[in-house]
Amino acid sequence: MSNAKHFVNPLRDPQDRRLPRIAGPCALVLFGVTGDLARKKLMPAIYDLANRGLLPPGFGLIGFARRDWENQDFAKIVHDSVKERARTPFREEVWKQLLEGIRFVPGTFDSDESFQTLKQTLDDLDQSQGTGGNHAFYLSIPPKAFDQVISQLKKHGLAKRDQRGAWSRVVIEKPFGHDLVSANELERRVSSVFHSQSVFRIDHYLGKETVQNLLALRFANELFEPIWNRNYVDHVQITMAEDIGIGGRAGYYDGVGAARDVIQNHLLQLLALTAMEEPTSFDADQLRAEKRKALAAARPPKDIAAHTARGQYLGGWAGGKQVLGYLEEEGISPQSQTETYAAIRVDIDNRRWAGVPFYLRSAKRMPRRVTEIALNLRRAPTCRSARPTPRRWAATLGAAHSARRGHHVAVRRQGARHADGDSRRHHGLRLRHVVRRVEPRGLRAVDPRRAARRSAAVPPARRGGAVVEDPRPDPRLLGRTRHSARRVCVGHVGAGQR
């Protein structure tokens, strides 16, 4: 009997890799099941885990929202989401097993009655599904509701600290606060309810396979690592463009905007992975330490007007159908100043990246959905093919000449193309306080020798830009044309995925 007490199942040993580790029994409560994140990411991911045999039989899924649904209504929402977006084939036997533990609780975050019903539903699942009192709460909700939900969980005894072998955990989606003060206050509030080991601050973007492969691409590749520094890289562009609008997320998005929704979390994480030094090991603590060093060396632009850009998309045609502008979307105030396009230049003051600007861009309603990290290499000093063609000379001189007259001009070389192949138009994007668009007409080729003499009379700061303004925004904030042959594309992170 004494030997039985000390027996340890070797297949549960975290160091044993003979069988995949299967999670213990638990119930997952999803707050905000009607949102895009739950429908497009969370529900399909739960089914994929079950389909791969990584969820235990004792598993329950509870949806919490304001809708007046029954259990079968919520089950249909999950079913449709799984069939549309799951990455593994749909199997009826797996779905039937998952269906047995699906429940729905209608209610609002300020309703004590709703949270009491939630507690009763969890108790029923503990008995019927054998979840063992292990409960996880996923807050896929607007940040302003975090504190209220945490308080309700504590009030109704749902946030119990690990007792009798059972646990309660909370998963908080980004953004974690809207500034440093609010983030510290939210951290204090959450820590007073949940143990620090039971709090998971999630940036779901880091789960993408290509993001995780960045470390292998950098540190296990002898081709790239020697040139991954200021000696060879001219600048870095990190872009996340979406071909959709805000959809039904007006209540969330209008209080956040592109900068807080994407740049301050997704793109800064990509910047840290791109700029960090090699860690001594790939443990979580070592990775976090190196990313902190890279972010600590980053500094915002000194000239905000020249090195940042904000905008909103307008109505027009996209994907073969007519779409609304941001201010015309349901739930958006006509006076809203929230941006759907944001760009910023960030410099990193360390030995590896000193003098190399990083350009972070995020936008909605773009011609194509793509996320990429592009390292633009320095131009070879003796490369004769890098000399501008007559047509490019004409466009460059046109921009410089107009700048001397104080005009804000966006000059496009005739025939220039986007990196995605579309003509270089703004596609409904309105840039506020950035550039007043004046399309050139009849640009013609000129003699390159004559153009060179005229160019010498123009100050270097006025030459060679795709967009010229006084004060001018950095042209790389607004994109690049295909004729640049010095771009090394690290990878399309999640391109084509939903």
Protein backbone atom coordinates (compact mmCIF):
# COMPACT_ATOMS: atom_id res chain seq x y z
CA MET A 1 0.00 0.00 0.00
CA SER A 2 2.85 2.37 0.84
CA ASN A 3 4.42 1.68 -2.55
CA ALA A 4 1.11 2.53 -4.26
CA LYS A 5 1.04 5.95 -2.63
CA HIS A 6 4.40 6.85 -4.12
CA PHE A 7 3.77 5.34 -7.55
CA VAL A 8 4.26 7.81 -10.42
CA ASN A 9 2.88 7.08 -13.86
CA PRO A 10 5.88 7.43 -16.22
CA LEU A 11 3.60 8.51 -19.07
CA ARG A 12 2.70 11.59 -16.98
CA ASP A 13 6.33 12.54 -16.57
CA PRO A 14 6.88 15.92 -18.31
CA GLN A 15 10.30 14.72 -19.51
CA ASP A 16 8.82 11.63 -21.18
CA ARG A 17 8.10 12.15 -24.89
CA ARG A 18 6.87 8.65 -25.82
CA LEU A 19 3.25 9.75 -25.81
CA PRO A 20 1.79 13.23 -26.27
CA ARG A 21 0.74 14.84 -23.02
CA ILE A 22 -3.03 14.96 -22.56
CA ALA A 23 -4.56 17.71 -20.47
CA GLY A 24 -6.39 16.77 -17.31
CA PRO A 25 -10.17 17.10 -16.95
CA CYS A 26 -11.45 20.69 -16.90
CA ALA A 27 -14.23 23.04 -17.96
CA LEU A 28 -13.50 26.08 -20.14
CA VAL A 29 -15.73 29.16 -19.81
CA LEU A 30 -15.63 31.51 -22.81
CA PHE A 31 -16.68 35.08 -22.14
CA GLY A 32 -17.46 36.88 -25.40
CA VAL A 33 -18.43 33.88 -27.52
CA THR A 34 -20.18 36.11 -30.08
CA GLY A 35 -16.94 37.91 -31.02
CA ASP A 36 -14.65 37.27 -33.98
CA LEU A 37 -11.84 35.83 -31.86
CA ALA A 38 -14.05 33.13 -30.36
CA ARG A 39 -15.66 32.16 -33.65
CA LYS A 40 -12.58 32.32 -35.87
CA LYS A 41 -9.85 31.13 -33.53
CA LEU A 42 -10.92 29.68 -30.18
CA MET A 43 -13.77 27.34 -31.13
CA PRO A 44 -11.92 25.76 -34.09
CA ALA A 45 -8.80 25.39 -31.92
CA ILE A 46 -10.77 23.55 -29.22
CA TYR A 47 -12.13 21.13 -31.80
CA ASP A 48 -8.66 20.60 -33.32
CA LEU A 49 -7.32 19.63 -29.88
CA ALA A 50 -10.16 17.15 -29.46
CA ASN A 51 -9.64 15.79 -32.97
CA ARG A 52 -5.93 15.18 -32.25
CA GLY A 53 -6.76 13.35 -29.04
CA LEU A 54 -5.30 16.08 -26.82
CA LEU A 55 -8.47 16.81 -24.85
CA PRO A 56 -9.65 14.42 -22.12
CA PRO A 57 -13.12 12.85 -22.12
CA GLY A 58 -13.85 14.93 -19.03
CA PHE A 59 -14.06 18.29 -20.81
CA GLY A 60 -16.78 20.92 -20.83
CA LEU A 61 -17.25 24.13 -22.83
CA ILE A 62 -19.49 26.90 -21.49
CA GLY A 63 -20.38 30.00 -23.47
CA PHE A 64 -21.36 33.21 -21.68
CA ALA A 65 -23.00 36.08 -23.59
CA ARG A 66 -26.00 38.39 -23.62
CA ARG A 67 -27.81 36.39 -26.29
CA ASP A 68 -31.03 34.61 -25.39
CA TRP A 69 -29.77 31.19 -26.50
CA GLU A 70 -30.31 27.66 -25.35
CA ASN A 71 -27.60 25.02 -25.21
CA GLN A 72 -28.47 23.75 -28.68
CA ASP A 73 -28.27 27.25 -30.17
CA PHE A 74 -24.75 27.72 -28.86
CA ALA A 75 -23.84 24.23 -30.01
CA LYS A 76 -24.90 25.15 -33.56
CA ILE A 77 -22.69 28.26 -33.47
CA VAL A 78 -19.74 26.12 -32.41
CA HIS A 79 -20.56 23.50 -35.06
CA ASP A 80 -20.71 26.05 -37.89
CA SER A 81 -17.48 27.71 -36.75
CA VAL A 82 -15.68 24.37 -36.54
CA LYS A 83 -16.80 23.17 -39.98
CA GLU A 84 -15.78 26.47 -41.58
CA ARG A 85 -12.42 27.13 -39.93
CA ALA A 86 -11.02 24.00 -38.27
CA ARG A 87 -7.61 22.93 -39.58
CA THR A 88 -8.29 19.23 -39.13
CA PRO A 89 -10.98 17.20 -40.95
CA PHE A 90 -14.42 17.20 -39.38
CA ARG A 91 -15.28 13.87 -37.77
CA GLU A 92 -18.77 13.20 -36.48
CA GLU A 93 -17.66 10.96 -33.61
CA VAL A 94 -15.33 13.65 -32.26
CA TRP A 95 -18.06 16.26 -32.51
CA LYS A 96 -20.56 14.05 -30.64
CA GLN A 97 -18.09 13.60 -27.79
CA LEU A 98 -17.45 17.36 -27.65
CA LEU A 99 -21.19 18.12 -27.85
CA GLU A 100 -21.91 16.27 -24.60
CA GLY A 101 -20.06 18.93 -22.60
CA ILE A 102 -21.32 22.10 -24.36
CA ARG A 103 -23.44 24.48 -22.28
CA PHE A 104 -24.58 28.10 -22.58
CA VAL A 105 -25.31 30.69 -19.89
CA PRO A 106 -27.12 33.88 -20.97
CA GLY A 107 -26.39 37.00 -18.97
CA THR A 108 -24.48 40.23 -18.54
CA PHE A 109 -21.30 41.02 -16.66
CA ASP A 110 -23.10 43.08 -14.01
CA SER A 111 -25.74 40.45 -13.24
CA ASP A 112 -25.27 38.48 -10.01
CA GLU A 113 -27.99 36.09 -11.11
CA SER A 114 -26.11 35.25 -14.31
CA PHE A 115 -22.90 34.39 -12.44
CA GLN A 116 -24.85 32.31 -9.95
CA THR A 117 -26.27 30.37 -12.88
CA LEU A 118 -22.73 29.99 -14.24
CA LYS A 119 -21.61 28.50 -10.92
CA GLN A 120 -24.48 26.01 -10.95
CA THR A 121 -23.66 25.01 -14.52
CA LEU A 122 -20.02 24.39 -13.58
CA ASP A 123 -21.13 22.23 -10.63
CA ASP A 124 -23.37 20.21 -12.98
CA LEU A 125 -20.47 19.67 -15.40
CA ASP A 126 -18.25 18.52 -12.53
CA GLN A 127 -20.78 15.78 -11.85
CA SER A 128 -21.87 14.84 -15.38
CA GLN A 129 -18.56 15.24 -17.27
CA GLY A 130 -16.11 14.58 -14.47
CA THR A 131 -14.29 17.91 -14.84
CA GLY A 132 -13.14 17.61 -11.24
CA GLY A 133 -13.61 21.24 -10.22
CA ASN A 134 -10.89 22.45 -12.65
CA HIS A 135 -12.15 25.64 -14.28
CA ALA A 136 -10.51 27.99 -16.79
CA PHE A 137 -12.00 31.37 -17.70
CA TYR A 138 -11.11 32.87 -21.09
CA LEU A 139 -11.79 36.63 -21.23
CA SER A 140 -12.29 37.28 -24.95
CA ILE A 141 -14.01 40.58 -24.16
CA PRO A 142 -13.29 44.33 -24.37
CA PRO A 143 -10.53 45.40 -21.95
CA LYS A 144 -12.87 47.72 -20.05
CA ALA A 145 -14.86 44.67 -18.84
CA PHE A 146 -11.87 42.74 -17.41
CA ASP A 147 -12.10 44.24 -13.93
CA GLN A 148 -15.85 43.68 -13.68
CA VAL A 149 -15.66 40.01 -14.67
CA ILE A 150 -12.74 39.36 -12.30
CA SER A 151 -14.74 40.91 -9.46
CA GLN A 152 -17.79 38.77 -10.22
CA LEU A 153 -15.71 35.58 -10.31
CA LYS A 154 -14.32 36.40 -6.87
CA LYS A 155 -17.69 37.39 -5.46
CA HIS A 156 -19.35 34.10 -6.42
CA GLY A 157 -16.49 31.85 -5.36
CA LEU A 158 -15.41 30.88 -8.88
CA ALA A 159 -11.87 32.16 -8.52
CA LYS A 160 -10.88 29.77 -5.77
CA ARG A 161 -7.15 29.34 -5.29
CA ASP A 162 -5.91 25.79 -5.75
CA GLN A 163 -7.92 23.72 -3.27
CA ARG A 164 -8.08 19.95 -2.84
CA GLY A 165 -6.15 19.45 -6.06
CA ALA A 166 -8.60 21.52 -8.14
CA TRP A 167 -7.58 24.78 -9.81
CA SER A 168 -9.05 27.94 -11.33
CA ARG A 169 -7.22 29.84 -14.04
CA VAL A 170 -7.88 32.97 -16.05
CA VAL A 171 -6.78 33.80 -19.60
CA ILE A 172 -6.70 37.50 -20.47
CA GLU A 173 -6.50 38.54 -24.10
CA LYS A 174 -4.57 41.59 -25.26
CA PRO A 175 -4.54 44.51 -24.82
CA PHE A 176 -3.67 44.32 -21.13
CA GLY A 177 -4.67 47.87 -20.17
CA HIS A 178 -4.51 50.98 -22.34
CA ASP A 179 -1.40 52.52 -20.76
CA LEU A 180 1.17 51.73 -18.06
CA VAL A 181 -0.99 53.02 -15.20
CA SER A 182 -4.06 51.00 -16.24
CA ALA A 183 -1.91 47.91 -16.89
CA ASN A 184 -0.43 48.08 -13.38
CA GLU A 185 -3.87 48.58 -11.87
CA LEU A 186 -5.27 45.59 -13.80
CA GLU A 187 -2.29 43.50 -12.73
CA ARG A 188 -2.89 44.42 -9.08
CA ARG A 189 -6.58 43.55 -9.38
CA VAL A 190 -6.02 40.20 -11.06
CA SER A 191 -3.25 39.21 -8.63
CA SER A 192 -5.56 39.86 -5.68
CA VAL A 193 -7.98 37.24 -7.02
CA PHE A 194 -5.83 34.66 -8.84
CA HIS A 195 -2.42 33.26 -8.00
CA SER A 196 0.31 34.51 -10.33
CA GLN A 197 0.83 30.98 -11.70
CA SER A 198 -2.86 30.84 -12.64
CA VAL A 199 -2.88 34.01 -14.78
CA PHE A 200 -2.17 33.70 -18.51
CA ARG A 201 -1.76 36.90 -20.53
CA ILE A 202 -2.28 35.81 -24.09
CA ASP A 203 -1.14 37.23 -27.40
CA HIS A 204 -2.63 34.61 -29.73
CA TYR A 205 -0.46 35.92 -32.58
CA LEU A 206 2.64 34.28 -31.08
CA GLY A 207 1.06 30.88 -31.65
CA LYS A 208 1.41 31.17 -35.42
CA GLU A 209 3.85 28.63 -36.82
CA THR A 210 5.86 31.13 -38.85
CA VAL A 211 6.32 33.37 -35.81
CA GLN A 212 7.72 30.46 -33.85
CA ASN A 213 9.99 29.57 -36.78
CA LEU A 214 11.66 33.01 -36.67
CA LEU A 215 14.06 31.84 -33.98
CA ALA A 216 15.15 28.84 -36.03
CA LEU A 217 15.46 30.98 -39.15
CA ARG A 218 17.76 33.41 -37.35
CA PHE A 219 19.90 31.36 -35.02
CA ALA A 220 20.09 27.99 -36.80
CA ASN A 221 20.82 29.45 -40.23
CA GLU A 222 24.40 30.30 -41.12
CA LEU A 223 23.24 32.16 -44.20
CA PHE A 224 21.26 34.90 -42.46
CA GLU A 225 22.75 35.35 -39.01
CA PRO A 226 26.09 36.88 -40.20
CA ILE A 227 24.27 39.64 -42.12
CA TRP A 228 21.50 40.20 -39.57
CA ASN A 229 22.87 43.54 -38.36
CA ARG A 230 23.43 47.20 -39.17
CA ASN A 231 26.38 46.48 -41.47
CA TYR A 232 24.16 44.88 -44.11
CA VAL A 233 20.55 45.89 -43.32
CA ASP A 234 19.35 49.33 -44.42
CA HIS A 235 15.94 49.22 -42.71
CA VAL A 236 13.29 46.74 -41.58
CA GLN A 237 9.58 46.85 -42.44
CA ILE A 238 7.03 44.87 -40.39
CA THR A 239 3.59 45.04 -41.98
CA MET A 240 0.23 43.57 -41.05
CA ALA A 241 -2.43 44.33 -43.64
CA GLU A 242 -5.98 42.97 -43.64
CA ASP A 243 -8.43 42.96 -46.54
CA ILE A 244 -11.47 43.23 -44.24
CA GLY A 245 -13.01 46.05 -42.25
CA ILE A 246 -13.96 45.99 -38.59
CA GLY A 247 -16.93 43.69 -39.17
CA GLY A 248 -19.11 43.56 -36.07
CA ARG A 249 -16.38 44.72 -33.69
CA ALA A 250 -17.41 48.38 -33.53
CA GLY A 251 -17.91 48.33 -29.76
CA TYR A 252 -14.39 47.04 -29.21
CA TYR A 253 -12.43 48.58 -32.07
CA ASP A 254 -13.61 52.18 -31.78
CA GLY A 255 -12.12 52.42 -28.31
CA VAL A 256 -8.82 50.81 -29.32
CA GLY A 257 -7.76 51.54 -32.91
CA ALA A 258 -5.05 50.01 -35.08
CA ALA A 259 -2.14 51.17 -32.92
CA ARG A 260 -3.36 49.55 -29.71
CA ASP A 261 -5.01 46.59 -31.40
CA VAL A 262 -1.97 45.48 -33.41
CA ILE A 263 1.17 47.61 -33.13
CA GLN A 264 1.59 47.67 -29.35
CA ASN A 265 1.35 43.87 -29.08
CA HIS A 266 1.55 41.81 -32.29
CA LEU A 267 4.06 43.95 -34.16
CA LEU A 268 6.18 44.81 -31.13
CA GLN A 269 6.50 41.09 -30.44
CA LEU A 270 7.64 40.54 -34.03
CA LEU A 271 10.07 43.43 -33.65
CA ALA A 272 11.49 41.86 -30.48
CA LEU A 273 11.92 38.47 -32.18
CA THR A 274 13.63 40.14 -35.13
CA ALA A 275 15.97 42.36 -33.12
CA MET A 276 16.78 40.22 -30.05
CA GLU A 277 20.14 38.59 -29.43
CA GLU A 278 20.50 34.82 -29.26
CA PRO A 279 19.41 33.52 -25.83
CA THR A 280 21.56 31.11 -23.87
CA SER A 281 18.68 28.62 -24.07
CA PHE A 282 15.17 28.59 -25.46
CA ASP A 283 13.48 28.43 -22.09
CA ALA A 284 10.66 30.92 -21.56
CA ASP A 285 12.64 32.97 -19.03
CA GLN A 286 15.66 33.32 -21.32
CA LEU A 287 13.53 34.28 -24.32
CA ARG A 288 11.67 36.85 -22.28
CA ALA A 289 14.93 38.32 -20.95
CA GLU A 290 16.36 38.83 -24.46
CA LYS A 291 13.14 40.34 -25.76
CA ARG A 292 13.07 42.75 -22.84
CA LYS A 293 16.59 43.89 -23.70
CA ALA A 294 15.60 44.59 -27.30
CA LEU A 295 12.47 46.50 -26.28
CA ALA A 296 14.40 48.43 -23.62
CA ALA A 297 16.77 49.68 -26.33
CA ALA A 298 13.89 50.77 -28.59
CA ARG A 299 12.95 54.45 -28.63
CA PRO A 300 10.03 56.26 -30.23
CA PRO A 301 10.64 58.83 -32.98
CA LYS A 302 11.78 62.30 -32.04
CA ASP A 303 9.81 63.90 -34.88
CA ILE A 304 6.29 62.53 -34.44
CA ALA A 305 4.90 64.42 -37.45
CA ALA A 306 7.49 62.99 -39.85
CA HIS A 307 7.75 59.44 -38.52
CA THR A 308 4.16 58.48 -37.72
CA ALA A 309 1.00 58.23 -39.81
CA ARG A 310 -2.68 57.63 -39.04
CA GLY A 311 -5.69 57.16 -41.30
CA GLN A 312 -9.16 55.73 -41.79
CA TYR A 313 -10.50 53.69 -44.68
CA LEU A 314 -13.25 55.14 -46.87
CA GLY A 315 -16.08 53.46 -48.69
CA GLY A 316 -15.41 51.92 -52.10
CA TRP A 317 -15.07 48.60 -53.90
CA ALA A 318 -13.14 45.70 -52.38
CA GLY A 319 -13.16 42.07 -53.42
CA GLY A 320 -15.72 42.75 -56.13
CA LYS A 321 -18.32 44.29 -53.84
CA GLN A 322 -19.06 47.73 -52.48
CA VAL A 323 -18.04 48.28 -48.87
CA LEU A 324 -18.67 50.98 -46.30
CA GLY A 325 -16.15 53.43 -44.95
CA TYR A 326 -15.12 53.30 -41.31
CA LEU A 327 -17.31 56.25 -40.28
CA GLU A 328 -20.26 54.59 -42.04
CA GLU A 329 -19.94 51.29 -40.15
CA GLU A 330 -22.73 50.39 -37.73
CA GLY A 331 -21.96 51.57 -34.22
CA ILE A 332 -19.25 54.08 -35.25
CA SER A 333 -19.72 57.76 -34.49
CA PRO A 334 -19.39 60.08 -37.51
CA GLN A 335 -16.93 62.15 -35.45
CA SER A 336 -14.73 59.19 -34.50
CA GLN A 337 -10.99 59.86 -34.58
CA THR A 338 -10.04 56.19 -34.20
CA GLU A 339 -7.48 55.11 -36.79
CA THR A 340 -7.70 52.01 -38.97
CA TYR A 341 -4.25 52.68 -40.44
CA ALA A 342 -1.24 53.31 -38.22
CA ALA A 343 2.48 53.45 -38.93
CA ILE A 344 5.47 54.38 -36.82
CA ARG A 345 9.24 54.40 -37.06
CA VAL A 346 11.13 52.82 -34.16
CA ASP A 347 14.90 52.96 -33.64
CA ILE A 348 16.85 50.48 -31.52
CA ASP A 349 19.91 51.92 -29.81
CA ASN A 350 22.23 48.95 -29.45
CA ARG A 351 25.36 47.74 -31.21
CA ARG A 352 23.54 45.44 -33.64
CA TRP A 353 20.83 47.83 -34.87
CA ALA A 354 22.07 51.38 -34.28
CA GLY A 355 21.05 53.55 -37.23
CA VAL A 356 18.65 50.96 -38.70
CA PRO A 357 15.02 52.17 -38.57
CA PHE A 358 12.20 49.70 -38.00
CA TYR A 359 8.88 50.62 -39.66
CA LEU A 360 5.75 49.11 -38.13
CA ARG A 361 2.51 49.30 -40.15
CA SER A 362 -1.00 48.03 -39.59
CA ALA A 363 -4.08 48.65 -41.72
CA LYS A 364 -7.53 47.34 -42.52
CA ARG A 365 -9.37 47.22 -45.86
CA MET A 366 -6.16 46.78 -47.86
CA PRO A 367 -6.03 45.12 -51.31
CA ARG A 368 -4.56 41.91 -49.87
CA ARG A 369 -4.22 40.18 -46.52
CA VAL A 370 -0.57 39.75 -45.66
CA THR A 371 1.77 39.98 -42.70
CA GLU A 372 5.47 40.06 -43.36
CA ILE A 373 8.86 41.03 -42.01
CA ALA A 374 11.04 42.52 -44.74
CA LEU A 375 14.73 43.24 -44.21
CA ASN A 376 15.92 45.68 -46.87
CA LEU A 377 19.64 45.25 -47.50
CA ARG A 378 22.03 48.09 -48.12
CA ARG A 379 22.78 48.99 -51.71
CA ALA A 380 26.12 47.78 -53.02
CA PRO A 381 28.29 50.87 -53.67
CA THR A 382 29.64 49.59 -57.02
CA CYS A 383 26.42 48.07 -58.36
CA ARG A 384 25.94 49.66 -61.81
CA SER A 385 22.47 48.16 -62.20
CA ALA A 386 21.34 50.21 -59.20
CA ARG A 387 21.63 53.46 -61.18
CA PRO A 388 18.18 54.99 -61.75
CA THR A 389 16.55 54.60 -65.13
CA PRO A 390 15.46 57.69 -67.08
CA ARG A 391 11.84 57.16 -66.08
CA ARG A 392 12.76 56.89 -62.41
CA TRP A 393 14.86 60.09 -62.73
CA ALA A 394 11.78 61.91 -64.00
CA ALA A 395 9.67 60.83 -61.04
CA THR A 396 12.38 61.68 -58.52
CA LEU A 397 13.01 65.14 -59.95
CA GLY A 398 9.29 65.83 -60.11
CA ALA A 399 8.95 65.15 -56.41
CA ALA A 400 12.00 67.22 -55.48
CA HIS A 401 11.01 70.15 -57.65
CA SER A 402 7.51 70.27 -56.22
CA ALA A 403 8.88 70.07 -52.70
CA ARG A 404 10.85 73.27 -53.23
CA ARG A 405 7.57 75.05 -53.97
CA GLY A 406 6.17 73.81 -50.66
CA HIS A 407 3.64 71.40 -52.18
CA HIS A 408 2.73 68.05 -50.62
CA VAL A 409 3.07 65.64 -53.52
CA ALA A 410 2.82 61.86 -53.83
CA VAL A 411 4.69 60.97 -57.03
CA ARG A 412 4.39 57.52 -58.57
CA ARG A 413 6.63 56.34 -61.33
CA GLN A 414 4.52 55.44 -64.36
CA GLY A 415 3.91 51.73 -64.39
CA ALA A 416 4.97 51.28 -60.74
CA ARG A 417 3.32 48.39 -59.00
CA HIS A 418 2.56 47.39 -55.45
CA ALA A 419 4.39 44.41 -54.00
CA ASP A 420 1.12 42.50 -54.44
CA GLY A 421 0.80 43.46 -58.10
CA ASP A 422 -1.95 46.06 -57.82
CA SER A 423 -1.58 49.54 -59.23
CA ARG A 424 -0.20 52.00 -56.74
CA ARG A 425 -3.45 53.61 -55.57
CA HIS A 426 -4.60 54.44 -52.09
CA HIS A 427 -7.55 52.00 -52.28
CA GLY A 428 -9.85 54.13 -50.18
CA LEU A 429 -7.25 54.94 -47.51
CA ARG A 430 -7.51 58.45 -46.13
CA LEU A 431 -4.39 59.72 -44.40
CA ARG A 432 -5.10 62.50 -41.96
CA HIS A 433 -2.44 65.20 -41.58
CA VAL A 434 -0.01 63.09 -43.58
CA VAL A 435 -0.06 63.88 -47.28
CA ARG A 436 -2.23 65.76 -49.71
CA ARG A 437 -2.34 63.66 -52.85
CA VAL A 438 -1.54 65.30 -56.18
CA GLU A 439 -1.31 62.84 -59.05
CA PRO A 440 1.32 63.75 -61.67
CA ARG A 441 0.28 63.76 -65.29
CA GLY A 442 2.37 63.06 -68.29
CA LEU A 443 5.66 62.18 -66.61
CA ARG A 444 8.12 61.64 -69.41
CA ALA A 445 11.58 60.16 -69.56
CA VAL A 446 14.46 62.61 -69.57
CA ASP A 447 18.14 62.36 -70.28
CA PRO A 448 19.77 60.80 -67.17
CA ARG A 449 22.87 63.03 -67.50
CA ARG A 450 20.73 66.15 -67.59
CA ALA A 451 18.67 64.80 -64.70
CA ALA A 452 21.83 64.19 -62.68
CA ARG A 453 22.92 67.84 -63.12
CA ARG A 454 19.48 69.09 -62.04
CA SER A 455 19.44 66.68 -59.11
CA ALA A 456 22.77 68.04 -57.83
CA ALA A 457 21.12 71.42 -57.25
CA VAL A 458 18.50 69.85 -54.95
CA PRO A 459 19.45 69.27 -51.30
CA PRO A 460 20.02 65.54 -50.57
CA ALA A 461 17.19 65.50 -48.04
CA ARG A 462 14.79 66.44 -50.84
CA ARG A 463 15.84 63.78 -53.32
CA GLY A 464 14.79 60.23 -53.97
CA GLY A 465 11.58 59.98 -51.95
CA ALA A 466 8.40 58.26 -53.10
CA VAL A 467 6.46 60.78 -51.00
CA VAL A 468 7.75 64.29 -50.33
CA GLU A 469 6.29 66.65 -47.76
CA ASP A 470 7.50 69.68 -45.83
CA PRO A 471 7.68 68.52 -43.10
CA ARG A 472 7.55 65.19 -44.87
CA PRO A 473 6.51 61.79 -43.47
CA ASP A 474 9.01 59.03 -44.01
CA PRO A 475 7.99 57.42 -47.34
CA ARG A 476 8.60 53.95 -45.95
CA LEU A 477 5.68 54.47 -43.59
CA LEU A 478 3.39 54.44 -46.61
CA GLY A 479 4.74 51.38 -48.44
CA ARG A 480 7.16 50.56 -51.22
CA THR A 481 7.09 49.72 -54.93
CA ARG A 482 8.18 46.52 -56.56
CA HIS A 483 11.21 48.03 -58.32
CA SER A 484 13.26 47.74 -55.10
CA ALA A 485 15.44 44.68 -55.65
CA ARG A 486 17.14 44.76 -52.26
CA ARG A 487 14.38 43.31 -50.07
CA VAL A 488 14.83 40.06 -48.19
CA CYS A 489 11.39 38.82 -47.17
CA VAL A 490 11.72 36.83 -43.98
CA GLY A 491 8.30 35.25 -44.17
CA HIS A 492 4.60 35.85 -44.67
CA VAL A 493 3.32 35.34 -41.14
CA GLY A 494 -0.11 33.80 -41.48
CA ALA A 495 -0.62 34.96 -45.07
CA GLY A 496 -3.83 33.55 -46.44
CA GLN A 497 -4.97 32.33 -43.02
CA ARG A 498 -8.09 33.46 -41.25
